[in-house]
Amino acid sequence: MGTPSILGGRTPRETAIAWAFVAAQLVLLFGAIVGGAGSAWSVPDWVRSVCRVIQYVGLAILVIGAVNLGRSLTALPTPVPHGQLRTGGLYRWMRHPIYTGVMALTLGGAVPSGNPVRLVCAAGLVVLFMAKARWEEARLAEQYPGYADYARRVPRFVPGFQLVTNTRSTDRA
């Protein structure tokens, strides 16, 4: 394979897939934030409060994760040519803190909205991030020799919660 490009991938196909993930993410984020009109259910105040806390925690995780990533930060699920494998900061506790933060923000806003469109889009975003993370991890394992070991030790999204963390790509290394 070629060298990673700032535009997204080592090959035109990989670049197209990376941008498709970003486009789908933006559509789902828009739907989860704007959604349809009205609400289909009422939500108790305590649920609203818990969701607000989840959003604040999500925002903090997102910002700290982005800062920890530094120059390796990109919206695309491909490593940047000048990047480094980050295993410190929040990356010591989860492999994808930015995704975790966005999911917390989105779900924390969709659940108390009472809007089924927003909730379906937020749930779709979670599924998309699961697929995007697995796809990204295959590229990270190719780029960074220590990634497979890191992936075995550190959960994907939530500290202390190992939900099918190893992918075929990380099992090869």
N, C-alpha and C. Protein backbone atom coordinates (compact mmCIF):
# COMPACT_ATOMS: atom_id res chain seq x y z
N MET A 1 0.83 -1.19 0.00
CA MET A 1 0.00 0.00 0.00
C MET A 1 0.86 1.23 0.00
N GLY A 2 0.30 2.33 -0.47
CA GLY A 2 1.02 3.59 -0.53
C GLY A 2 1.07 4.29 0.82
N THR A 3 1.63 5.48 0.76
CA THR A 3 1.72 6.32 1.96
C THR A 3 0.39 7.02 2.18
N PRO A 4 -0.04 7.18 3.44
CA PRO A 4 -1.31 7.87 3.69
C PRO A 4 -1.26 9.29 3.16
N SER A 5 -2.38 9.73 2.64
CA SER A 5 -2.52 11.08 2.11
C SER A 5 -3.26 11.96 3.09
N ILE A 6 -2.99 13.23 3.06
CA ILE A 6 -3.71 14.19 3.90
C ILE A 6 -5.19 14.20 3.50
N LEU A 7 -5.51 13.77 2.28
CA LEU A 7 -6.89 13.74 1.81
C LEU A 7 -7.66 12.52 2.28
N GLY A 8 -6.97 11.55 2.89
CA GLY A 8 -7.74 10.49 3.47
C GLY A 8 -7.24 9.08 3.40
N GLY A 9 -6.51 8.68 2.42
CA GLY A 9 -6.16 7.28 2.37
C GLY A 9 -4.94 7.00 1.52
N ARG A 10 -4.62 5.72 1.46
CA ARG A 10 -3.47 5.28 0.67
C ARG A 10 -3.86 5.01 -0.78
N THR A 11 -5.13 4.75 -0.99
CA THR A 11 -5.63 4.47 -2.34
C THR A 11 -6.88 5.32 -2.58
N PRO A 12 -7.27 5.51 -3.83
CA PRO A 12 -8.51 6.25 -4.09
C PRO A 12 -9.73 5.59 -3.44
N ARG A 13 -9.77 4.27 -3.44
CA ARG A 13 -10.90 3.56 -2.81
C ARG A 13 -10.94 3.84 -1.31
N GLU A 14 -9.79 3.75 -0.66
CA GLU A 14 -9.73 4.01 0.78
C GLU A 14 -10.13 5.45 1.10
N THR A 15 -9.70 6.37 0.27
CA THR A 15 -10.07 7.78 0.46
C THR A 15 -11.57 7.97 0.31
N ALA A 16 -12.17 7.33 -0.68
CA ALA A 16 -13.62 7.44 -0.90
C ALA A 16 -14.39 6.86 0.30
N ILE A 17 -13.93 5.73 0.82
CA ILE A 17 -14.60 5.13 1.97
C ILE A 17 -14.47 6.06 3.19
N ALA A 18 -13.30 6.61 3.41
CA ALA A 18 -13.08 7.51 4.55
C ALA A 18 -14.03 8.71 4.47
N TRP A 19 -14.14 9.31 3.29
CA TRP A 19 -15.03 10.47 3.13
C TRP A 19 -16.50 10.07 3.24
N ALA A 20 -16.84 8.85 2.81
CA ALA A 20 -18.23 8.37 2.96
C ALA A 20 -18.60 8.24 4.44
N PHE A 21 -17.66 7.75 5.26
CA PHE A 21 -17.90 7.69 6.69
C PHE A 21 -18.17 9.09 7.26
N VAL A 22 -17.38 10.06 6.85
CA VAL A 22 -17.54 11.43 7.34
C VAL A 22 -18.88 12.00 6.89
N ALA A 23 -19.24 11.79 5.64
CA ALA A 23 -20.52 12.30 5.12
C ALA A 23 -21.70 11.68 5.87
N ALA A 24 -21.67 10.36 6.08
CA ALA A 24 -22.75 9.69 6.81
C ALA A 24 -22.81 10.20 8.24
N GLN A 25 -21.65 10.43 8.84
CA GLN A 25 -21.61 10.96 10.20
C GLN A 25 -22.26 12.34 10.26
N LEU A 26 -21.97 13.19 9.30
CA LEU A 26 -22.56 14.54 9.29
C LEU A 26 -24.07 14.49 9.11
N VAL A 27 -24.55 13.62 8.24
CA VAL A 27 -26.00 13.48 8.03
C VAL A 27 -26.68 13.02 9.31
N LEU A 28 -26.11 11.99 9.96
CA LEU A 28 -26.70 11.48 11.19
C LEU A 28 -26.62 12.50 12.33
N LEU A 29 -25.52 13.22 12.41
CA LEU A 29 -25.41 14.28 13.43
C LEU A 29 -26.47 15.35 13.21
N PHE A 30 -26.66 15.76 11.98
CA PHE A 30 -27.67 16.76 11.65
C PHE A 30 -29.06 16.26 12.07
N GLY A 31 -29.38 15.02 11.71
CA GLY A 31 -30.67 14.44 12.08
C GLY A 31 -30.85 14.31 13.58
N ALA A 32 -29.77 13.97 14.28
CA ALA A 32 -29.86 13.82 15.73
C ALA A 32 -30.00 15.16 16.44
N ILE A 33 -29.48 16.21 15.85
CA ILE A 33 -29.56 17.53 16.47
C ILE A 33 -30.84 18.25 16.09
N VAL A 34 -31.18 18.21 14.81
CA VAL A 34 -32.34 18.95 14.31
C VAL A 34 -33.59 18.08 14.35
N GLY A 35 -33.48 16.85 13.83
CA GLY A 35 -34.57 15.89 13.85
C GLY A 35 -35.88 16.43 13.30
N GLY A 36 -36.93 15.72 13.57
CA GLY A 36 -38.27 16.14 13.15
C GLY A 36 -38.88 17.07 14.19
N ALA A 37 -40.03 17.56 13.89
CA ALA A 37 -40.72 18.47 14.80
C ALA A 37 -41.48 17.69 15.87
N GLY A 38 -41.60 18.27 17.04
CA GLY A 38 -42.42 17.69 18.10
C GLY A 38 -41.74 16.57 18.84
N SER A 39 -42.48 16.04 19.80
CA SER A 39 -41.98 14.91 20.58
C SER A 39 -43.08 13.87 20.70
N ALA A 40 -42.66 12.61 20.76
CA ALA A 40 -43.60 11.51 20.82
C ALA A 40 -43.76 10.96 22.24
N TRP A 41 -42.89 11.35 23.15
CA TRP A 41 -42.97 10.88 24.52
C TRP A 41 -42.47 11.97 25.47
N SER A 42 -42.91 11.86 26.69
CA SER A 42 -42.44 12.80 27.70
C SER A 42 -41.32 12.13 28.49
N VAL A 43 -40.46 12.94 29.02
CA VAL A 43 -39.30 12.43 29.74
C VAL A 43 -39.28 13.06 31.14
N PRO A 44 -39.13 12.23 32.16
CA PRO A 44 -39.07 12.78 33.53
C PRO A 44 -37.88 13.73 33.69
N ASP A 45 -38.01 14.65 34.61
CA ASP A 45 -36.96 15.63 34.85
C ASP A 45 -35.63 14.97 35.24
N TRP A 46 -35.69 13.87 36.00
CA TRP A 46 -34.44 13.23 36.40
C TRP A 46 -33.69 12.66 35.20
N VAL A 47 -34.44 12.17 34.19
CA VAL A 47 -33.80 11.66 32.97
C VAL A 47 -33.14 12.82 32.22
N ARG A 48 -33.84 13.94 32.13
CA ARG A 48 -33.27 15.13 31.50
C ARG A 48 -31.97 15.54 32.20
N SER A 49 -31.98 15.50 33.53
CA SER A 49 -30.79 15.88 34.31
C SER A 49 -29.63 14.92 34.05
N VAL A 50 -29.92 13.62 34.05
CA VAL A 50 -28.88 12.63 33.78
C VAL A 50 -28.33 12.82 32.36
N CYS A 51 -29.21 13.06 31.40
CA CYS A 51 -28.77 13.28 30.02
C CYS A 51 -27.91 14.53 29.89
N ARG A 52 -28.24 15.56 30.65
CA ARG A 52 -27.45 16.80 30.63
C ARG A 52 -26.03 16.52 31.15
N VAL A 53 -25.93 15.75 32.23
CA VAL A 53 -24.62 15.38 32.77
C VAL A 53 -23.85 14.56 31.74
N ILE A 54 -24.53 13.62 31.09
CA ILE A 54 -23.89 12.82 30.04
C ILE A 54 -23.35 13.72 28.94
N GLN A 55 -24.11 14.74 28.57
CA GLN A 55 -23.65 15.66 27.54
C GLN A 55 -22.40 16.43 27.99
N TYR A 56 -22.40 16.92 29.23
CA TYR A 56 -21.23 17.65 29.74
C TYR A 56 -20.00 16.75 29.77
N VAL A 57 -20.19 15.52 30.24
CA VAL A 57 -19.07 14.58 30.26
C VAL A 57 -18.61 14.29 28.83
N GLY A 58 -19.57 14.10 27.92
CA GLY A 58 -19.22 13.86 26.52
C GLY A 58 -18.44 15.01 25.91
N LEU A 59 -18.85 16.23 26.20
CA LEU A 59 -18.14 17.40 25.68
C LEU A 59 -16.71 17.44 26.22
N ALA A 60 -16.55 17.18 27.51
CA ALA A 60 -15.22 17.17 28.11
C ALA A 60 -14.34 16.09 27.48
N ILE A 61 -14.90 14.89 27.30
CA ILE A 61 -14.15 13.79 26.68
C ILE A 61 -13.75 14.16 25.26
N LEU A 62 -14.67 14.71 24.50
CA LEU A 62 -14.39 15.10 23.12
C LEU A 62 -13.26 16.11 23.06
N VAL A 63 -13.33 17.17 23.85
CA VAL A 63 -12.32 18.23 23.82
C VAL A 63 -10.96 17.71 24.28
N ILE A 64 -10.95 16.99 25.40
CA ILE A 64 -9.68 16.47 25.90
C ILE A 64 -9.08 15.46 24.92
N GLY A 65 -9.92 14.61 24.33
CA GLY A 65 -9.44 13.66 23.34
C GLY A 65 -8.83 14.35 22.13
N ALA A 66 -9.46 15.42 21.66
CA ALA A 66 -8.93 16.16 20.52
C ALA A 66 -7.59 16.81 20.88
N VAL A 67 -7.51 17.39 22.07
CA VAL A 67 -6.26 18.00 22.51
C VAL A 67 -5.17 16.93 22.65
N ASN A 68 -5.51 15.78 23.24
CA ASN A 68 -4.54 14.69 23.39
C ASN A 68 -4.04 14.19 22.05
N LEU A 69 -4.88 14.22 21.03
CA LEU A 69 -4.49 13.73 19.71
C LEU A 69 -3.52 14.68 19.02
N GLY A 70 -3.62 15.97 19.31
CA GLY A 70 -2.68 16.94 18.75
C GLY A 70 -2.68 16.96 17.24
N ARG A 71 -1.49 16.93 16.65
CA ARG A 71 -1.34 17.01 15.19
C ARG A 71 -1.86 15.78 14.46
N SER A 72 -2.17 14.74 15.19
CA SER A 72 -2.72 13.53 14.56
C SER A 72 -4.22 13.64 14.34
N LEU A 73 -4.83 14.73 14.80
CA LEU A 73 -6.28 14.92 14.68
C LEU A 73 -6.70 15.07 13.23
N THR A 74 -7.72 14.33 12.85
CA THR A 74 -8.34 14.43 11.53
C THR A 74 -9.77 13.93 11.65
N ALA A 75 -10.65 14.47 10.82
CA ALA A 75 -12.03 14.00 10.81
C ALA A 75 -12.14 12.64 10.12
N LEU A 76 -11.15 12.32 9.31
CA LEU A 76 -11.17 11.09 8.54
C LEU A 76 -10.68 9.90 9.37
N PRO A 77 -11.22 8.72 9.11
CA PRO A 77 -10.80 7.54 9.85
C PRO A 77 -9.54 6.89 9.26
N THR A 78 -8.58 7.73 8.92
CA THR A 78 -7.31 7.25 8.40
C THR A 78 -6.19 8.01 9.12
N PRO A 79 -5.08 7.35 9.39
CA PRO A 79 -3.98 8.06 10.06
C PRO A 79 -3.39 9.12 9.14
N VAL A 80 -3.01 10.24 9.73
CA VAL A 80 -2.36 11.30 8.94
C VAL A 80 -0.89 10.92 8.75
N PRO A 81 -0.29 11.36 7.65
CA PRO A 81 1.10 10.97 7.36
C PRO A 81 2.08 11.37 8.48
N HIS A 82 1.87 12.49 9.10
CA HIS A 82 2.78 12.99 10.13
C HIS A 82 2.35 12.59 11.54
N GLY A 83 1.35 11.73 11.66
CA GLY A 83 0.78 11.39 12.96
C GLY A 83 1.63 10.43 13.77
N GLN A 84 1.23 10.32 15.04
CA GLN A 84 1.86 9.39 15.97
C GLN A 84 0.76 8.62 16.68
N LEU A 85 1.07 7.39 17.08
CA LEU A 85 0.12 6.61 17.87
C LEU A 85 0.06 7.22 19.26
N ARG A 86 -1.13 7.63 19.67
CA ARG A 86 -1.32 8.22 21.00
C ARG A 86 -1.86 7.17 21.94
N THR A 87 -1.17 6.96 23.03
CA THR A 87 -1.61 5.98 24.02
C THR A 87 -1.64 6.58 25.42
N GLY A 88 -1.43 7.88 25.54
CA GLY A 88 -1.47 8.56 26.83
C GLY A 88 -2.72 9.41 26.94
N GLY A 89 -2.85 10.11 28.05
CA GLY A 89 -4.04 10.93 28.27
C GLY A 89 -5.28 10.05 28.27
N LEU A 90 -6.35 10.53 27.66
CA LEU A 90 -7.58 9.73 27.58
C LEU A 90 -7.39 8.47 26.75
N TYR A 91 -6.41 8.48 25.85
CA TYR A 91 -6.17 7.31 25.01
C TYR A 91 -5.59 6.14 25.82
N ARG A 92 -5.22 6.38 27.05
CA ARG A 92 -4.80 5.31 27.95
C ARG A 92 -6.02 4.52 28.42
N TRP A 93 -7.20 5.16 28.41
CA TRP A 93 -8.43 4.55 28.94
C TRP A 93 -9.40 4.09 27.85
N MET A 94 -9.34 4.71 26.67
CA MET A 94 -10.22 4.34 25.56
C MET A 94 -9.53 4.69 24.25
N ARG A 95 -9.77 3.87 23.22
CA ARG A 95 -9.10 4.07 21.94
C ARG A 95 -9.71 5.20 21.12
N HIS A 96 -10.98 5.51 21.34
CA HIS A 96 -11.68 6.51 20.53
C HIS A 96 -12.44 7.51 21.40
N PRO A 97 -11.75 8.31 22.20
CA PRO A 97 -12.47 9.24 23.07
C PRO A 97 -13.28 10.29 22.32
N ILE A 98 -12.85 10.69 21.15
CA ILE A 98 -13.62 11.69 20.41
C ILE A 98 -14.95 11.08 19.98
N TYR A 99 -14.94 9.86 19.49
CA TYR A 99 -16.19 9.20 19.12
C TYR A 99 -17.08 9.03 20.36
N THR A 100 -16.46 8.64 21.48
CA THR A 100 -17.22 8.48 22.72
C THR A 100 -17.88 9.79 23.11
N GLY A 101 -17.14 10.89 23.02
CA GLY A 101 -17.68 12.19 23.37
C GLY A 101 -18.83 12.60 22.48
N VAL A 102 -18.69 12.39 21.17
CA VAL A 102 -19.76 12.74 20.23
C VAL A 102 -21.00 11.88 20.49
N MET A 103 -20.80 10.59 20.76
CA MET A 103 -21.94 9.72 21.05
C MET A 103 -22.65 10.16 22.32
N ALA A 104 -21.91 10.52 23.35
CA ALA A 104 -22.52 10.97 24.61
C ALA A 104 -23.29 12.27 24.39
N LEU A 105 -22.71 13.20 23.67
CA LEU A 105 -23.40 14.46 23.37
C LEU A 105 -24.69 14.21 22.60
N THR A 106 -24.60 13.38 21.59
CA THR A 106 -25.74 13.13 20.72
C THR A 106 -26.86 12.37 21.43
N LEU A 107 -26.50 11.29 22.11
CA LEU A 107 -27.52 10.52 22.84
C LEU A 107 -28.10 11.33 23.99
N GLY A 108 -27.23 12.09 24.66
CA GLY A 108 -27.69 12.93 25.76
C GLY A 108 -28.66 14.01 25.33
N GLY A 109 -28.61 14.40 24.07
CA GLY A 109 -29.57 15.36 23.54
C GLY A 109 -30.80 14.71 22.94
N ALA A 110 -30.63 13.54 22.34
CA ALA A 110 -31.74 12.89 21.65
C ALA A 110 -32.74 12.24 22.61
N VAL A 111 -32.24 11.58 23.64
CA VAL A 111 -33.14 10.87 24.56
C VAL A 111 -34.17 11.80 25.20
N PRO A 112 -33.77 12.92 25.79
CA PRO A 112 -34.78 13.77 26.43
C PRO A 112 -35.61 14.60 25.46
N SER A 113 -35.28 14.57 24.18
CA SER A 113 -36.04 15.36 23.20
C SER A 113 -37.44 14.80 22.98
N GLY A 114 -37.60 13.49 23.20
CA GLY A 114 -38.88 12.86 22.93
C GLY A 114 -39.17 12.75 21.45
N ASN A 115 -38.14 12.92 20.64
CA ASN A 115 -38.31 12.93 19.19
C ASN A 115 -37.73 11.64 18.60
N PRO A 116 -38.58 10.81 17.98
CA PRO A 116 -38.09 9.53 17.44
C PRO A 116 -37.06 9.70 16.32
N VAL A 117 -37.18 10.74 15.50
CA VAL A 117 -36.21 10.96 14.42
C VAL A 117 -34.83 11.22 15.02
N ARG A 118 -34.79 12.09 16.03
CA ARG A 118 -33.51 12.39 16.68
C ARG A 118 -32.92 11.15 17.33
N LEU A 119 -33.76 10.36 17.98
CA LEU A 119 -33.27 9.16 18.65
C LEU A 119 -32.75 8.12 17.65
N VAL A 120 -33.48 7.92 16.56
CA VAL A 120 -33.03 6.96 15.54
C VAL A 120 -31.72 7.43 14.91
N CYS A 121 -31.59 8.72 14.64
CA CYS A 121 -30.33 9.24 14.08
C CYS A 121 -29.19 9.09 15.07
N ALA A 122 -29.44 9.34 16.35
CA ALA A 122 -28.40 9.17 17.37
C ALA A 122 -27.98 7.70 17.47
N ALA A 123 -28.95 6.80 17.45
CA ALA A 123 -28.63 5.37 17.49
C ALA A 123 -27.87 4.96 16.23
N GLY A 124 -28.27 5.50 15.09
CA GLY A 124 -27.55 5.24 13.84
C GLY A 124 -26.12 5.73 13.90
N LEU A 125 -25.91 6.86 14.56
CA LEU A 125 -24.56 7.39 14.71
C LEU A 125 -23.70 6.45 15.55
N VAL A 126 -24.27 5.87 16.60
CA VAL A 126 -23.54 4.91 17.42
C VAL A 126 -23.11 3.71 16.56
N VAL A 127 -24.03 3.18 15.77
CA VAL A 127 -23.72 2.05 14.89
C VAL A 127 -22.65 2.45 13.88
N LEU A 128 -22.78 3.65 13.31
CA LEU A 128 -21.78 4.13 12.36
C LEU A 128 -20.40 4.23 13.01
N PHE A 129 -20.34 4.79 14.22
CA PHE A 129 -19.06 4.91 14.91
C PHE A 129 -18.44 3.54 15.20
N MET A 130 -19.28 2.55 15.48
CA MET A 130 -18.76 1.21 15.71
C MET A 130 -18.08 0.69 14.43
N ALA A 131 -18.73 0.88 13.29
CA ALA A 131 -18.16 0.45 12.02
C ALA A 131 -16.95 1.30 11.64
N LYS A 132 -17.07 2.61 11.82
CA LYS A 132 -15.98 3.52 11.48
C LYS A 132 -14.73 3.21 12.31
N ALA A 133 -14.92 2.94 13.60
CA ALA A 133 -13.79 2.63 14.47
C ALA A 133 -13.09 1.35 14.03
N ARG A 134 -13.86 0.33 13.69
CA ARG A 134 -13.26 -0.93 13.24
C ARG A 134 -12.47 -0.71 11.94
N TRP A 135 -13.04 0.05 11.02
CA TRP A 135 -12.38 0.33 9.75
C TRP A 135 -11.10 1.13 10.01
N GLU A 136 -11.20 2.13 10.86
CA GLU A 136 -10.04 2.97 11.19
C GLU A 136 -8.94 2.14 11.86
N GLU A 137 -9.32 1.26 12.75
CA GLU A 137 -8.34 0.45 13.46
C GLU A 137 -7.53 -0.43 12.53
N ALA A 138 -8.12 -0.88 11.44
CA ALA A 138 -7.36 -1.67 10.47
C ALA A 138 -6.24 -0.83 9.87
N ARG A 139 -6.52 0.44 9.60
CA ARG A 139 -5.50 1.34 9.05
C ARG A 139 -4.46 1.70 10.11
N LEU A 140 -4.90 1.89 11.34
CA LEU A 140 -3.97 2.20 12.42
C LEU A 140 -3.02 1.04 12.67
N ALA A 141 -3.53 -0.19 12.58
CA ALA A 141 -2.69 -1.37 12.77
C ALA A 141 -1.64 -1.49 11.67
N GLU A 142 -1.98 -1.05 10.46
CA GLU A 142 -1.01 -1.06 9.36
C GLU A 142 0.05 0.02 9.54
N GLN A 143 -0.36 1.16 10.06
CA GLN A 143 0.52 2.32 10.20
C GLN A 143 1.44 2.22 11.42
N TYR A 144 0.91 1.68 12.53
CA TYR A 144 1.65 1.67 13.79
C TYR A 144 1.86 0.24 14.28
N PRO A 145 3.11 -0.22 14.34
CA PRO A 145 3.37 -1.61 14.75
C PRO A 145 2.82 -1.97 16.13
N GLY A 146 2.72 -1.04 17.06
CA GLY A 146 2.25 -1.35 18.40
C GLY A 146 0.75 -1.28 18.58
N TYR A 147 0.00 -1.03 17.49
CA TYR A 147 -1.43 -0.82 17.65
C TYR A 147 -2.18 -2.09 18.10
N ALA A 148 -1.81 -3.23 17.59
CA ALA A 148 -2.52 -4.47 17.94
C ALA A 148 -2.44 -4.74 19.44
N ASP A 149 -1.27 -4.55 20.03
CA ASP A 149 -1.12 -4.75 21.47
C ASP A 149 -1.94 -3.71 22.23
N TYR A 150 -1.89 -2.48 21.79
CA TYR A 150 -2.67 -1.39 22.41
C TYR A 150 -4.16 -1.73 22.37
N ALA A 151 -4.64 -2.21 21.21
CA ALA A 151 -6.07 -2.54 21.05
C ALA A 151 -6.50 -3.68 21.95
N ARG A 152 -5.60 -4.60 22.23
CA ARG A 152 -5.93 -5.71 23.14
C ARG A 152 -6.07 -5.24 24.58
N ARG A 153 -5.35 -4.19 24.95
CA ARG A 153 -5.33 -3.70 26.34
C ARG A 153 -6.40 -2.65 26.63
N VAL A 154 -6.76 -1.85 25.63
CA VAL A 154 -7.58 -0.67 25.87
C VAL A 154 -8.92 -0.82 25.17
N PRO A 155 -10.04 -0.60 25.88
CA PRO A 155 -11.35 -0.71 25.25
C PRO A 155 -11.56 0.36 24.18
N ARG A 156 -12.47 0.08 23.30
CA ARG A 156 -12.72 0.97 22.17
C ARG A 156 -13.35 2.29 22.59
N PHE A 157 -14.46 2.25 23.34
CA PHE A 157 -15.21 3.47 23.63
C PHE A 157 -15.37 3.81 25.11
N VAL A 158 -15.59 2.81 25.94
CA VAL A 158 -15.92 3.06 27.34
C VAL A 158 -14.91 2.36 28.24
N PRO A 159 -14.23 3.10 29.12
CA PRO A 159 -13.26 2.47 30.02
C PRO A 159 -13.92 1.35 30.84
N GLY A 160 -13.22 0.23 30.93
CA GLY A 160 -13.72 -0.89 31.71
C GLY A 160 -14.78 -1.72 31.01
N PHE A 161 -15.08 -1.39 29.76
CA PHE A 161 -16.13 -2.11 29.04
C PHE A 161 -15.57 -2.62 27.73
N GLN A 162 -15.24 -3.90 27.67
CA GLN A 162 -14.69 -4.51 26.46
C GLN A 162 -15.82 -5.12 25.65
N LEU A 163 -16.25 -4.43 24.62
CA LEU A 163 -17.29 -4.92 23.72
C LEU A 163 -16.63 -5.26 22.39
N VAL A 164 -16.32 -6.51 22.17
CA VAL A 164 -15.71 -6.97 20.93
C VAL A 164 -14.66 -5.96 20.47
N THR A 165 -13.57 -5.88 21.21
CA THR A 165 -12.58 -4.86 20.92
C THR A 165 -11.59 -5.25 19.85
N ASN A 166 -11.33 -6.52 19.69
CA ASN A 166 -10.34 -6.90 18.69
C ASN A 166 -11.00 -7.10 17.34
N THR A 167 -10.35 -6.56 16.33
CA THR A 167 -10.83 -6.74 14.96
C THR A 167 -9.92 -7.71 14.25
N ARG A 168 -10.33 -8.15 13.10
CA ARG A 168 -9.49 -9.05 12.32
C ARG A 168 -8.13 -8.41 12.05
N SER A 169 -8.14 -7.11 11.76
CA SER A 169 -6.89 -6.44 11.43
C SER A 169 -5.93 -6.40 12.60
N THR A 170 -6.45 -6.23 13.81
CA THR A 170 -5.56 -6.17 14.96
C THR A 170 -5.15 -7.56 15.40
N ASP A 171 -5.92 -8.58 15.03
CA ASP A 171 -5.55 -9.94 15.38
C ASP A 171 -4.37 -10.44 14.53
N ARG A 172 -4.19 -9.84 13.34
CA ARG A 172 -3.12 -10.27 12.45
C ARG A 172 -1.74 -9.92 13.00
N ALA A 173 -1.68 -8.76 13.62
CA ALA A 173 -0.36 -8.25 14.03
C ALA A 173 0.19 -9.02 15.20
